[in-house]
Every structure is written in C-alpha cells, then in structure tokens.
C-alpha atoms as a PDB file:
ATOM      1  CA  UNK A   1      27.090 181.378 183.739  1.00  0.00           C
ATOM      2  CA  UNK A   2      29.160 182.312 180.709  1.00  0.00           C
ATOM      3  CA  UNK A   3      27.832 184.135 177.764  1.00  0.00           C
ATOM      4  CA  UNK A   4      26.272 182.050 174.868  1.00  0.00           C
ATOM      5  CA  UNK A   5      28.150 182.307 171.663  1.00  0.00           C
ATOM      6  CA  UNK A   6      27.993 181.107 168.052  1.00  0.00           C
ATOM      7  CA  UNK A   7      31.536 181.821 167.439  1.00  0.00           C
ATOM      8  CA  UNK A   8      33.051 178.322 167.067  1.00  0.00           C
ATOM      9  CA  UNK A   9      36.422 179.801 168.377  1.00  0.00           C
ATOM     10  CA  UNK A  10      34.707 180.408 171.614  1.00  0.00           C
ATOM     11  CA  UNK A  11      34.163 176.686 172.121  1.00  0.00           C
ATOM     12  CA  UNK A  12      37.913 176.224 173.146  1.00  0.00           C
ATOM     13  CA  UNK A  13      38.907 177.304 176.615  1.00  0.00           C
ATOM     14  CA  UNK A  14      41.498 179.968 177.280  1.00  0.00           C
ATOM     15  CA  UNK A  15      45.243 178.751 177.373  1.00  0.00           C
ATOM     16  CA  UNK A  16      45.725 177.128 180.623  1.00  0.00           C
ATOM     17  CA  UNK A  17      42.152 176.433 181.386  1.00  0.00           C
ATOM     18  CA  UNK A  18      39.714 173.667 181.052  1.00  0.00           C
ATOM     19  CA  UNK A  19      35.919 173.326 180.011  1.00  0.00           C
ATOM     20  CA  UNK A  20      33.447 170.501 179.460  1.00  0.00           C
ATOM     21  CA  UNK A  21      33.797 170.167 175.803  1.00  0.00           C
ATOM     22  CA  UNK A  22      31.433 167.211 175.454  1.00  0.00           C
ATOM     23  CA  UNK A  23      30.151 163.918 176.784  1.00  0.00           C
ATOM     24  CA  UNK A  24      29.453 160.712 175.170  1.00  0.00           C
ATOM     25  CA  UNK A  25      26.666 157.915 175.421  1.00  0.00           C
ATOM     26  CA  UNK A  26      27.819 154.532 174.294  1.00  0.00           C
ATOM     27  CA  UNK A  27      24.914 153.055 172.605  1.00  0.00           C
ATOM     28  CA  UNK A  28      24.580 149.490 170.842  1.00  0.00           C
ATOM     29  CA  UNK A  29      22.022 150.649 168.128  1.00  0.00           C
ATOM     30  CA  UNK A  30      22.546 154.143 166.617  1.00  0.00           C
ATOM     31  CA  UNK A  31      19.491 154.110 164.777  1.00  0.00           C
ATOM     32  CA  UNK A  32      17.336 153.457 167.867  1.00  0.00           C
ATOM     33  CA  UNK A  33      19.188 155.999 169.812  1.00  0.00           C
ATOM     34  CA  UNK A  34      18.525 158.666 166.949  1.00  0.00           C
ATOM     35  CA  UNK A  35      15.079 158.116 166.837  1.00  0.00           C
ATOM     36  CA  UNK A  36      14.677 158.869 170.733  1.00  0.00           C
ATOM     37  CA  UNK A  37      16.841 161.916 170.238  1.00  0.00           C
ATOM     38  CA  UNK A  38      14.838 163.335 167.209  1.00  0.00           C
ATOM     39  CA  UNK A  39      11.524 162.628 169.029  1.00  0.00           C
ATOM     40  CA  UNK A  40      12.762 164.685 172.075  1.00  0.00           C
ATOM     41  CA  UNK A  41      13.406 167.637 169.997  1.00  0.00           C
ATOM     42  CA  UNK A  42      17.112 167.307 169.169  1.00  0.00           C
ATOM     43  CA  UNK A  43      18.830 168.162 165.911  1.00  0.00           C
ATOM     44  CA  UNK A  44      21.426 165.421 164.968  1.00  0.00           C
ATOM     45  CA  UNK A  45      24.409 165.578 162.708  1.00  0.00           C
ATOM     46  CA  UNK A  46      24.919 162.968 160.208  1.00  0.00           C
ATOM     47  CA  UNK A  47      26.349 159.634 160.974  1.00  0.00           C
ATOM     48  CA  UNK A  48      30.097 159.613 160.780  1.00  0.00           C
ATOM     49  CA  UNK A  49      32.964 157.057 160.978  1.00  0.00           C
ATOM     50  CA  UNK A  50      36.047 157.828 163.100  1.00  0.00           C
ATOM     51  CA  UNK A  51      39.614 157.322 162.068  1.00  0.00           C
ATOM     52  CA  UNK A  52      42.910 157.689 164.130  1.00  0.00           C
ATOM     53  CA  UNK A  53      46.489 157.936 164.084  1.00  0.00           C
ATOM     54  CA  UNK A  54      48.138 156.133 166.874  1.00  0.00           C
ATOM     55  CA  UNK A  55      51.492 158.021 166.614  1.00  0.00           C
ATOM     56  CA  UNK A  56      52.446 161.398 164.917  1.00  0.00           C
ATOM     57  CA  UNK A  57      52.935 160.702 161.228  1.00  0.00           C
ATOM     58  CA  UNK A  58      51.569 157.161 161.436  1.00  0.00           C
ATOM     59  CA  UNK A  59      49.100 155.535 159.110  1.00  0.00           C
ATOM     60  CA  UNK A  60      45.316 156.611 159.349  1.00  0.00           C
ATOM     61  CA  UNK A  61      43.281 153.591 160.463  1.00  0.00           C
ATOM     62  CA  UNK A  62      39.671 153.078 161.342  1.00  0.00           C
ATOM     63  CA  UNK A  63      38.858 153.466 164.969  1.00  0.00           C
ATOM     64  CA  UNK A  64      36.062 150.750 164.875  1.00  0.00           C
ATOM     65  CA  UNK A  65      33.579 153.416 165.939  1.00  0.00           C
ATOM     66  CA  UNK A  66      31.139 156.046 164.642  1.00  0.00           C
ATOM     67  CA  UNK A  67      28.861 158.715 165.916  1.00  0.00           C
ATOM     68  CA  UNK A  68      25.977 161.136 165.807  1.00  0.00           C
ATOM     69  CA  UNK A  69      26.095 164.398 167.728  1.00  0.00           C
ATOM     70  CA  UNK A  70      23.808 167.187 169.246  1.00  0.00           C
ATOM     71  CA  UNK A  71      25.635 170.366 168.939  1.00  0.00           C
ATOM     72  CA  UNK A  72      24.873 173.006 171.482  1.00  0.00           C
ATOM     73  CA  UNK A  73      25.741 176.561 171.723  1.00  0.00           C
ATOM     74  CA  UNK A  74      28.145 175.608 174.571  1.00  0.00           C
ATOM     75  CA  UNK A  75      29.381 172.080 174.281  1.00  0.00           C
ATOM     76  CA  UNK A  76      27.964 169.173 172.671  1.00  0.00           C
ATOM     77  CA  UNK A  77      26.396 165.706 173.225  1.00  0.00           C
ATOM     78  CA  UNK A  78      27.920 162.643 171.416  1.00  0.00           C
ATOM     79  CA  UNK A  79      26.355 159.152 170.822  1.00  0.00           C
ATOM     80  CA  UNK A  80      29.085 156.615 169.811  1.00  0.00           C
ATOM     81  CA  UNK A  81      28.540 153.264 168.513  1.00  0.00           C
ATOM     82  CA  UNK A  82      30.983 150.314 167.912  1.00  0.00           C
ATOM     83  CA  UNK A  83      31.420 149.582 164.110  1.00  0.00           C
ATOM     84  CA  UNK A  84      34.323 147.251 163.878  1.00  0.00           C
ATOM     85  CA  UNK A  85      36.617 144.713 165.818  1.00  0.00           C
ATOM     86  CA  UNK A  86      39.214 147.137 167.163  1.00  0.00           C
ATOM     87  CA  UNK A  87      40.520 147.887 170.728  1.00  0.00           C
ATOM     88  CA  UNK A  88      38.291 150.893 170.779  1.00  0.00           C
ATOM     89  CA  UNK A  89      35.277 149.054 169.582  1.00  0.00           C
ATOM     90  CA  UNK A  90      35.795 146.293 172.212  1.00  0.00           C
ATOM     91  CA  UNK A  91      36.064 149.031 174.967  1.00  0.00           C
ATOM     92  CA  UNK A  92      32.821 150.434 173.810  1.00  0.00           C
ATOM     93  CA  UNK A  93      31.229 147.051 173.949  1.00  0.00           C
ATOM     94  CA  UNK A  94      32.437 146.191 177.358  1.00  0.00           C
ATOM     95  CA  UNK A  95      31.100 149.623 178.652  1.00  0.00           C
ATOM     96  CA  UNK A  96      27.604 149.019 177.189  1.00  0.00           C
ATOM     97  CA  UNK A  97      27.695 145.616 178.902  1.00  0.00           C
ATOM     98  CA  UNK A  98      27.792 147.616 182.231  1.00  0.00           C
ATOM     99  CA  UNK A  99      24.982 149.872 181.166  1.00  0.00           C
ATOM    100  CA  UNK A 100      23.863 151.861 178.099  1.00  0.00           C
ATOM    101  CA  UNK A 101      24.435 155.463 178.461  1.00  0.00           C
ATOM    102  CA  UNK A 102      27.068 157.949 179.473  1.00  0.00           C
ATOM    103  CA  UNK A 103      30.806 156.380 179.700  1.00  0.00           C
ATOM    104  CA  UNK A 104      32.898 159.488 178.432  1.00  0.00           C
ATOM    105  CA  UNK A 105      33.579 163.039 179.689  1.00  0.00           C
ATOM    106  CA  UNK A 106      35.733 165.204 177.473  1.00  0.00           C
ATOM    107  CA  UNK A 107      37.540 168.008 179.074  1.00  0.00           C
ATOM    108  CA  UNK A 108      38.030 170.789 176.537  1.00  0.00           C
ATOM    109  CA  UNK A 109      41.691 171.950 176.388  1.00  0.00           C
ATOM    110  CA  UNK A 110      44.242 174.281 174.399  1.00  0.00           C
ATOM    111  CA  UNK A 111      47.265 172.581 175.805  1.00  0.00           C
ATOM    112  CA  UNK A 112      47.060 168.771 175.608  1.00  0.00           C
ATOM    113  CA  UNK A 113      50.815 168.671 176.207  1.00  0.00           C
ATOM    114  CA  UNK A 114      50.456 170.225 179.553  1.00  0.00           C
ATOM    115  CA  UNK A 115      47.665 168.014 180.617  1.00  0.00           C
ATOM    116  CA  UNK A 116      49.758 164.949 179.503  1.00  0.00           C
ATOM    117  CA  UNK A 117      52.553 166.132 181.711  1.00  0.00           C
ATOM    118  CA  UNK A 118      50.299 166.781 184.689  1.00  0.00           C
ATOM    119  CA  UNK A 119      48.777 163.448 184.494  1.00  0.00           C
ATOM    120  CA  UNK A 120      52.076 161.754 184.269  1.00  0.00           C
ATOM    121  CA  UNK A 121      53.240 163.781 187.186  1.00  0.00           C
ATOM    122  CA  UNK A 122      50.309 162.808 189.394  1.00  0.00           C
ATOM    123  CA  UNK A 123      50.497 159.029 188.703  1.00  0.00           C
ATOM    124  CA  UNK A 124      47.783 158.544 186.178  1.00  0.00           C
ATOM    125  CA  UNK A 125      50.213 157.036 183.522  1.00  0.00           C
ATOM    126  CA  UNK A 126      48.637 158.733 180.501  1.00  0.00           C
ATOM    127  CA  UNK A 127      48.840 157.050 176.966  1.00  0.00           C
ATOM    128  CA  UNK A 128      50.673 158.975 173.983  1.00  0.00           C
ATOM    129  CA  UNK A 129      48.160 161.607 172.657  1.00  0.00           C
ATOM    130  CA  UNK A 130      46.118 160.479 169.874  1.00  0.00           C
ATOM    131  CA  UNK A 131      45.304 162.377 166.653  1.00  0.00           C
ATOM    132  CA  UNK A 132      41.592 161.600 165.807  1.00  0.00           C
ATOM    133  CA  UNK A 133      39.764 162.773 162.575  1.00  0.00           C
ATOM    134  CA  UNK A 134      36.448 162.020 160.707  1.00  0.00           C
ATOM    135  CA  UNK A 135      34.990 163.246 157.501  1.00  0.00           C
ATOM    136  CA  UNK A 136      32.281 166.057 158.050  1.00  0.00           C
ATOM    137  CA  UNK A 137      29.714 167.387 155.673  1.00  0.00           C
ATOM    138  CA  UNK A 138      29.680 171.293 155.195  1.00  0.00           C
ATOM    139  CA  UNK A 139      27.369 173.543 153.266  1.00  0.00           C
ATOM    140  CA  UNK A 140      29.699 173.357 150.235  1.00  0.00           C
ATOM    141  CA  UNK A 141      30.949 169.694 150.494  1.00  0.00           C
ATOM    142  CA  UNK A 142      33.115 167.781 152.775  1.00  0.00           C
ATOM    143  CA  UNK A 143      35.672 168.428 155.162  1.00  0.00           C
ATOM    144  CA  UNK A 144      37.889 166.667 157.911  1.00  0.00           C
ATOM    145  CA  UNK A 145      37.281 167.477 161.394  1.00  0.00           C
ATOM    146  CA  UNK A 146      40.485 167.000 163.479  1.00  0.00           C
ATOM    147  CA  UNK A 147      41.072 166.446 167.252  1.00  0.00           C
ATOM    148  CA  UNK A 148      44.005 165.799 169.617  1.00  0.00           C
ATOM    149  CA  UNK A 149      42.974 163.497 172.344  1.00  0.00           C
ATOM    150  CA  UNK A 150      44.858 162.605 175.546  1.00  0.00           C
ATOM    151  CA  UNK A 151      43.586 159.412 177.442  1.00  0.00           C
ATOM    152  CA  UNK A 152      44.719 157.145 180.367  1.00  0.00           C
ATOM    153  CA  UNK A 153      44.695 153.428 180.360  1.00  0.00           C
ATOM    154  CA  UNK A 154      41.245 151.711 180.603  1.00  0.00           C
ATOM    155  CA  UNK A 155      40.196 151.349 184.263  1.00  0.00           C
ATOM    156  CA  UNK A 156      42.387 154.231 185.456  1.00  0.00           C
ATOM    157  CA  UNK A 157      39.195 156.363 186.192  1.00  0.00           C
ATOM    158  CA  UNK A 158      36.527 153.854 187.199  1.00  0.00           C
ATOM    159  CA  UNK A 159      33.605 156.120 186.127  1.00  0.00           C
ATOM    160  CA  UNK A 160      34.742 155.686 182.237  1.00  0.00           C
ATOM    161  CA  UNK A 161      36.780 157.398 179.623  1.00  0.00           C
ATOM    162  CA  UNK A 162      37.673 160.707 180.987  1.00  0.00           C
ATOM    163  CA  UNK A 163      39.845 162.455 178.635  1.00  0.00           C
ATOM    164  CA  UNK A 164      41.077 165.608 177.253  1.00  0.00           C
ATOM    165  CA  UNK A 165      40.292 167.023 173.735  1.00  0.00           C
ATOM    166  CA  UNK A 166      41.621 169.789 171.750  1.00  0.00           C
ATOM    167  CA  UNK A 167      39.433 171.063 168.934  1.00  0.00           C
ATOM    168  CA  UNK A 168      41.478 172.026 165.906  1.00  0.00           C
ATOM    169  CA  UNK A 169      38.727 172.421 163.587  1.00  0.00           C
ATOM    170  CA  UNK A 170      35.753 174.089 165.792  1.00  0.00           C
ATOM    171  CA  UNK A 171      34.149 175.703 162.838  1.00  0.00           C
ATOM    172  CA  UNK A 172      33.313 172.258 161.203  1.00  0.00           C
ATOM    173  CA  UNK A 173      31.639 170.953 164.250  1.00  0.00           C
ATOM    174  CA  UNK A 174      29.654 173.945 165.537  1.00  0.00           C
ATOM    175  CA  UNK A 175      27.844 174.599 162.082  1.00  0.00           C
ATOM    176  CA  UNK A 176      24.816 177.007 162.611  1.00  0.00           C
ATOM    177  CA  UNK A 177      22.388 174.512 160.910  1.00  0.00           C
ATOM    178  CA  UNK A 178      22.992 172.015 163.696  1.00  0.00           C
ATOM    179  CA  UNK A 179      22.641 174.392 166.659  1.00  0.00           C
ATOM    180  CA  UNK A 180      18.968 174.924 166.565  1.00  0.00           C
ATOM    181  CA  UNK A 181      16.752 172.438 168.583  1.00  0.00           C
ATOM    182  CA  UNK A 182      12.991 172.145 168.802  1.00  0.00           C
ATOM    183  CA  UNK A 183      13.202 171.507 172.599  1.00  0.00           C
ATOM    184  CA  UNK A 184      15.207 174.803 173.032  1.00  0.00           C
ATOM    185  CA  UNK A 185      18.408 173.175 174.350  1.00  0.00           C
ATOM    186  CA  UNK A 186      21.277 175.618 174.351  1.00  0.00           C
ATOM    187  CA  UNK A 187      24.190 174.586 176.504  1.00  0.00           C
ATOM    188  CA  UNK A 188      25.998 171.873 178.569  1.00  0.00           C
ATOM    189  CA  UNK A 189      26.162 173.124 181.825  1.00  0.00           C
ATOM    190  CA  UNK A 190      27.244 170.274 184.229  1.00  0.00           C
ATOM    191  CA  UNK A 191      27.955 166.483 184.374  1.00  0.00           C
ATOM    192  CA  UNK A 192      26.333 164.385 187.160  1.00  0.00           C
ATOM    193  CA  UNK A 193      28.536 161.553 188.243  1.00  0.00           C
ATOM    194  CA  UNK A 194      27.244 159.179 190.665  1.00  0.00           C
ATOM    195  CA  UNK A 195      29.685 157.494 193.107  1.00  0.00           C
ATOM    196  CA  UNK A 196      29.702 155.525 196.473  1.00  0.00           C
ATOM    197  CA  UNK A 197      32.224 158.335 197.858  1.00  0.00           C
ATOM    198  CA  UNK A 198      31.780 161.830 196.397  1.00  0.00           C
ATOM    199  CA  UNK A 199      34.605 163.374 198.264  1.00  0.00           C
ATOM    200  CA  UNK A 200      37.214 160.734 197.196  1.00  0.00           C
ATOM    201  CA  UNK A 201      36.022 161.120 193.446  1.00  0.00           C
ATOM    202  CA  UNK A 202      36.134 164.866 193.543  1.00  0.00           C
ATOM    203  CA  UNK A 203      39.578 164.918 195.114  1.00  0.00           C
ATOM    204  CA  UNK A 204      40.921 162.510 192.507  1.00  0.00           C
ATOM    205  CA  UNK A 205      39.374 164.381 189.719  1.00  0.00           C
ATOM    206  CA  UNK A 206      41.132 167.472 191.210  1.00  0.00           C
ATOM    207  CA  UNK A 207      44.354 165.690 190.740  1.00  0.00           C
ATOM    208  CA  UNK A 208      43.279 164.755 187.265  1.00  0.00           C
ATOM    209  CA  UNK A 209      42.452 168.246 186.240  1.00  0.00           C
ATOM    210  CA  UNK A 210      44.315 170.509 188.414  1.00  0.00           C
ATOM    211  CA  UNK A 211      41.229 172.263 189.304  1.00  0.00           C
ATOM    212  CA  UNK A 212      39.702 172.964 192.886  1.00  0.00           C
ATOM    213  CA  UNK A 213      37.423 170.399 194.252  1.00  0.00           C
ATOM    214  CA  UNK A 214      34.925 172.247 196.707  1.00  0.00           C
ATOM    215  CA  UNK A 215      32.068 171.359 198.905  1.00  0.00           C
ATOM    216  CA  UNK A 216      29.037 173.388 197.991  1.00  0.00           C
ATOM    217  CA  UNK A 217      26.542 172.937 200.672  1.00  0.00           C
ATOM    218  CA  UNK A 218      26.516 169.214 200.706  1.00  0.00           C
ATOM    219  CA  UNK A 219      27.593 168.663 197.323  1.00  0.00           C
ATOM    220  CA  UNK A 220      31.141 167.966 196.006  1.00  0.00           C
ATOM    221  CA  UNK A 221      31.906 169.856 192.644  1.00  0.00           C
ATOM    222  CA  UNK A 222      34.558 171.023 190.283  1.00  0.00           C
ATOM    223  CA  UNK A 223      34.013 174.095 188.434  1.00  0.00           C
ATOM    224  CA  UNK A 224      35.688 174.627 184.990  1.00  0.00           C
ATOM    225  CA  UNK A 225      35.902 177.532 182.823  1.00  0.00           C
ATOM    226  CA  UNK A 226      32.536 176.488 181.220  1.00  0.00           C
ATOM    227  CA  UNK A 227      30.539 173.813 182.871  1.00  0.00           C
ATOM    228  CA  UNK A 228      30.781 171.737 186.141  1.00  0.00           C
ATOM    229  CA  UNK A 229      31.398 168.405 187.313  1.00  0.00           C
ATOM    230  CA  UNK A 230      28.968 167.280 190.187  1.00  0.00           C
ATOM    231  CA  UNK A 231      29.603 164.310 192.370  1.00  0.00           C
ATOM    232  CA  UNK A 232      26.539 162.662 194.027  1.00  0.00           C
ATOM    233  CA  UNK A 233      25.784 159.496 195.911  1.00  0.00           C
ATOM    234  CA  UNK A 234      23.356 156.716 194.505  1.00  0.00           C
ATOM    235  CA  UNK A 235      21.134 157.526 197.648  1.00  0.00           C
ATOM    236  CA  UNK A 236      20.930 161.326 196.705  1.00  0.00           C
ATOM    237  CA  UNK A 237      19.989 160.337 193.007  1.00  0.00           C
ATOM    238  CA  UNK A 238      17.258 158.081 194.506  1.00  0.00           C
ATOM    239  CA  UNK A 239      15.962 160.856 196.705  1.00  0.00           C
ATOM    240  CA  UNK A 240      16.421 163.679 194.552  1.00  0.00           C
ATOM    241  CA  UNK A 241      15.582 162.368 191.173  1.00  0.00           C
ATOM    242  CA  UNK A 242      13.485 159.027 191.806  1.00  0.00           C
ATOM    243  CA  UNK A 243      16.192 156.960 190.103  1.00  0.00           C
ATOM    244  CA  UNK A 244      18.200 153.898 191.022  1.00  0.00           C
ATOM    245  CA  UNK A 245      21.578 153.660 189.667  1.00  0.00           C
ATOM    246  CA  UNK A 246      22.096 150.755 187.087  1.00  0.00           C
ATOM    247  CA  UNK A 247      25.697 150.246 188.393  1.00  0.00           C
ATOM    248  CA  UNK A 248      28.380 152.098 190.328  1.00  0.00           C
ATOM    249  CA  UNK A 249      30.171 154.171 189.727  1.00  0.00           C
ATOM    250  CA  UNK A 250      27.589 155.625 186.963  1.00  0.00           C
ATOM    251  CA  UNK A 251      27.981 158.888 184.801  1.00  0.00           C
ATOM    252  CA  UNK A 252      24.286 159.508 185.467  1.00  0.00           C
ATOM    253  CA  UNK A 253      23.477 162.417 182.992  1.00  0.00           C
ATOM    254  CA  UNK A 254      23.816 166.155 182.492  1.00  0.00           C
ATOM    255  CA  UNK A 255      22.242 169.552 182.953  1.00  0.00           C
ATOM    256  CA  UNK A 256      21.454 171.420 179.799  1.00  0.00           C
ATOM    257  CA  UNK A 257      20.415 175.147 179.623  1.00  0.00           C
ATOM    258  CA  UNK A 258      17.299 176.070 177.860  1.00  0.00           C
ATOM    259  CA  UNK A 259      16.601 179.647 176.550  1.00  0.00           C
ATOM    260  CA  UNK A 260      12.815 179.038 177.438  1.00  0.00           C
ATOM    261  CA  UNK A 261      12.071 176.436 180.076  1.00  0.00           C
ATOM    262  CA  UNK A 262       8.425 176.531 179.403  1.00  0.00           C
ATOM    263  CA  UNK A 263       8.917 175.992 175.643  1.00  0.00           C
ATOM    264  CA  UNK A 264      11.261 173.057 176.451  1.00  0.00           C
ATOM    265  CA  UNK A 265       8.371 171.591 178.649  1.00  0.00           C
ATOM    266  CA  UNK A 266       5.824 171.911 176.053  1.00  0.00           C
ATOM    267  CA  UNK A 267       8.138 170.431 173.313  1.00  0.00           C
ATOM    268  CA  UNK A 268       8.837 167.450 175.587  1.00  0.00           C
ATOM    269  CA  UNK A 269       5.266 166.796 176.605  1.00  0.00           C
ATOM    270  CA  UNK A 270       4.239 167.216 172.824  1.00  0.00           C
ATOM    271  CA  UNK A 271       6.779 164.388 172.037  1.00  0.00           C
ATOM    272  CA  UNK A 272       5.435 162.217 174.932  1.00  0.00           C
ATOM    273  CA  UNK A 273       8.811 162.018 176.569  1.00  0.00           C
ATOM    274  CA  UNK A 274       9.273 160.783 180.149  1.00  0.00           C
ATOM    275  CA  UNK A 275       9.649 164.336 181.659  1.00  0.00           C
ATOM    276  CA  UNK A 276       8.554 165.796 185.029  1.00  0.00           C
ATOM    277  CA  UNK A 277       9.149 168.970 186.867  1.00  0.00           C
ATOM    278  CA  UNK A 278      11.324 168.754 189.983  1.00  0.00           C
ATOM    279  CA  UNK A 279      10.532 170.721 193.125  1.00  0.00           C
ATOM    280  CA  UNK A 280      13.630 172.677 192.683  1.00  0.00           C
ATOM    281  CA  UNK A 281      12.755 173.977 189.264  1.00  0.00           C
ATOM    282  CA  UNK A 282      14.523 171.789 186.388  1.00  0.00           C
ATOM    283  CA  UNK A 283      12.785 169.472 184.171  1.00  0.00           C
ATOM    284  CA  UNK A 284      13.948 165.936 184.608  1.00  0.00           C
ATOM    285  CA  UNK A 285      14.034 163.798 181.287  1.00  0.00           C
ATOM    286  CA  UNK A 286      14.652 160.124 181.697  1.00  0.00           C
ATOM    287  CA  UNK A 287      16.064 158.742 178.502  1.00  0.00           C
ATOM    288  CA  UNK A 288      14.804 155.350 177.128  1.00  0.00           C
ATOM    289  CA  UNK A 289      16.926 152.454 177.246  1.00  0.00           C
ATOM    290  CA  UNK A 290      18.332 153.040 173.702  1.00  0.00           C
ATOM    291  CA  UNK A 291      20.169 156.120 174.997  1.00  0.00           C
ATOM    292  CA  UNK A 292      20.512 155.642 178.886  1.00  0.00           C
ATOM    293  CA  UNK A 293      20.796 158.327 181.595  1.00  0.00           C
ATOM    294  CA  UNK A 294      18.883 161.412 182.548  1.00  0.00           C
ATOM    295  CA  UNK A 295      18.840 165.147 181.375  1.00  0.00           C
ATOM    296  CA  UNK A 296      17.980 168.126 183.714  1.00  0.00           C
ATOM    297  CA  UNK A 297      16.832 171.163 181.711  1.00  0.00           C
ATOM    298  CA  UNK A 298      17.118 174.654 183.558  1.00  0.00           C
ATOM    299  CA  UNK A 299      16.523 177.890 182.203  1.00  0.00           C
ATOM    300  CA  UNK A 300      19.789 179.803 181.112  1.00  0.00           C
ATOM    301  CA  UNK A 301      21.182 181.811 183.891  1.00  0.00           C
ATOM    302  CA  UNK A 302      19.687 179.690 186.846  1.00  0.00           C
ATOM    303  CA  UNK A 303      22.098 178.289 189.463  1.00  0.00           C
ATOM    304  CA  UNK A 304      22.913 174.548 189.078  1.00  0.00           C
ATOM    305  CA  UNK A 305      20.629 172.133 191.007  1.00  0.00           C
ATOM    306  CA  UNK A 306      21.551 170.913 194.331  1.00  0.00           C
ATOM    307  CA  UNK A 307      21.696 167.041 194.185  1.00  0.00           C
ATOM    308  CA  UNK A 308      24.129 166.421 197.200  1.00  0.00           C
END
C-alpha cells in the first residue's frame, strides 16, 4: 500500500510507470446518480461539461458529455453522462444500453507518447492522442483543467473504454475541499473486472499496459504503481459477492480504502445503504440502479480481497 498524500503532484505516476488514475460510471441521469452518491456519504464536485481538441491546435468543440466526480486522496471516481449528439455521447448511450455502471478505466501516465507507441506495436491501433479540458471552479474563481488522453477504437477492449490519461493540472482536480467524505473513503485501490476467461483478459491487459499479469492464488491480477486490476469470473462474483453479472464482460466495481472501516460502516448504515460485511473483512456496497456496480471498502493498509 502506497503512502496517502494530499499533494496533487503525487497523483501522477513516475515516468515510465502507470497507476489507476480513475474509473468512470456511465449514467443516464446525473441527478439521480448524484443523490445516491451523496446519500452514501461522498462529497461531489460540481457538474462540468467537457470539451476537446481532436488534433493539436485544432478547434475546441463540445465533447457531448459532462461529469461529476468523487475526488479521493489517491485517484478518483467519475460519473459521466451524455449531454449532446456527438460520437462520444453516442458511445456513452450505447454502453448504458448494456448496463448502467462502470465502463471506463483510466490508467494514469506521465508518458502518453510511449503508451501510444506500445499500443501500436502490440496491435491495438491507438487513436491519435486527444487534448481534453473542462472548466473547473476554484477557491478564487474558475480555471481550466487539462488532460491528454490516449484511446483505442471502440470495441478493441471488450470490457469498455480502457484508456491512458495524463493529468496536466492535478492541483485543479484534487482540491482539499473535495477530499473529505462522510463515509471515510480515502483511495482507489483496485478495479474488479468480471470476464469469462480471467487468464486471457489479464494477459491481454499485460500487452496493453506493458505490466506483468500474475496469478495470485486463484486470482489473476496486474499491479500498477498505485492500484491493481483484478480479473474474476462471473461464478466467483456470484460465490464471493452474491451478485449476478448483468452482462459479460462487466467492469463490476472497485475497492476503496477507508481510514476507519467501523466509521465507514456506521455512515453507510445511517444512510440506509445496501451494505453488508463480507466474511473476508471488507464491506460490500451495492449501488442502486442509477449508479450501477459495487464497492468494496477495506481498511487502509489491508491486503486486497481474494475474489478469484
């Protein structure tokens, strides 16, 4: 477990390394999703529309999507909704038709050009890097948060939009006023990916990331500089979590660290959330349909749960 830091610069991985920067739920109704998140004790950023430049120096155009976020001391959660009639908006709507929930994993990088070259070499046919930006409020006014994103064509990775993200303005995202949560959530420790063949998926992600896929017990995983990808079967999800996958493949959820698991349990119970304690120790929160997916809360410093 890496050291928790409030320094925005620490959100970016070292040069040549990767981390789990954020994950994104695709939701049809941002107000309903926001209400569920706030009830569960999360602090949300204000709604923000996204814009992008499809080529360097090109015109800035609406992306057709907007978001609210849960900023954590390590990584963050994004809740993305379509707002227009653009290719990006249509991709969101198509994904939501499969299921409401997680459809995006953003791997944090300090070298998107190298990631692009590796993807091309390994046959993933990456699209040209995209410059994304959105207006964001600060304590003294407004500023522009900027990102460079590397994607592959839709459908290349069956699990969803698996992309690289370089944060150019982390100090605008990880503002102290958004880092405290009533449920004591602190960091994004892992993403749970439910697939028919975990070995195939893990080895494919290894080619995608340049990282080692390893079998830990009966569970395939890939560890980044901060955070892990966990590959599990629908049978394991059914057995360990009591949940039936709505579709395959399915980015089922994520593991969040808590600075006090008893306080997290109390906050979730007080909010009448759908939460229960697993035999292995973590708390399992099942999101309502407006958000989709599951969250495992574990005490900071604990080993990741065995779900394989």
